[in-house]
Amino acid sequence: MVRRFRLSDYDAVLTLWRRTEGVGLNESDTRSAVASYLRRNAGLSCVAAQGGEIVGAVLCGHDGRRGYLHHLAVARRHRRRGIGRRLVAACLAKLGRLGITRCNLFIFADNAAGKKFWAHRGWKLRRELRLMQIPVAGARRGDRSCSC
């Protein structure tokens, strides 16, 4: 059963992410950071549950223009049953209802299995793009104020 990702799912999802190859975790994946993400993108992220156990999860959000998926994971013993496909479909349907016309995701360059999964479902690798990133000095979680 695919349902909304609730903060009460966090511990089980974190365990799943830690056990899943190709998922990289950092300071953006703490309970408070995920709680903030879930609030900002209310109702978009999903989990798959079977018998009370979380067997799949994905974070889904948008910036008002493009959707983003993060940390799609399915427990190894539950793979190849369409769970990942259903999680992604649920997220894309929710984004579509909000008028978001395209969705992006990040994948590690050496994640061959992940690339195969996404390509098989019609996702295209954008070879002309590169991700650039910088830490934000003085960033405080939860502070959304702006002095501009």
Foldseek 3Di string as FASTA:
>chain_A
DKFFDDLVCLVLLVVQLVPFPFADDDPCNDSLNVVVQCVQAPGQWMFDDDPNHTFWTWRWHDPLAEIEIHRTGGHPVPPPPCPSVVRVVSNVVVCVVSVHDYYDYDTDPPCPVVVVVCVVVPDDDDPVDDDDDDDDPPDDRPDPDDPD
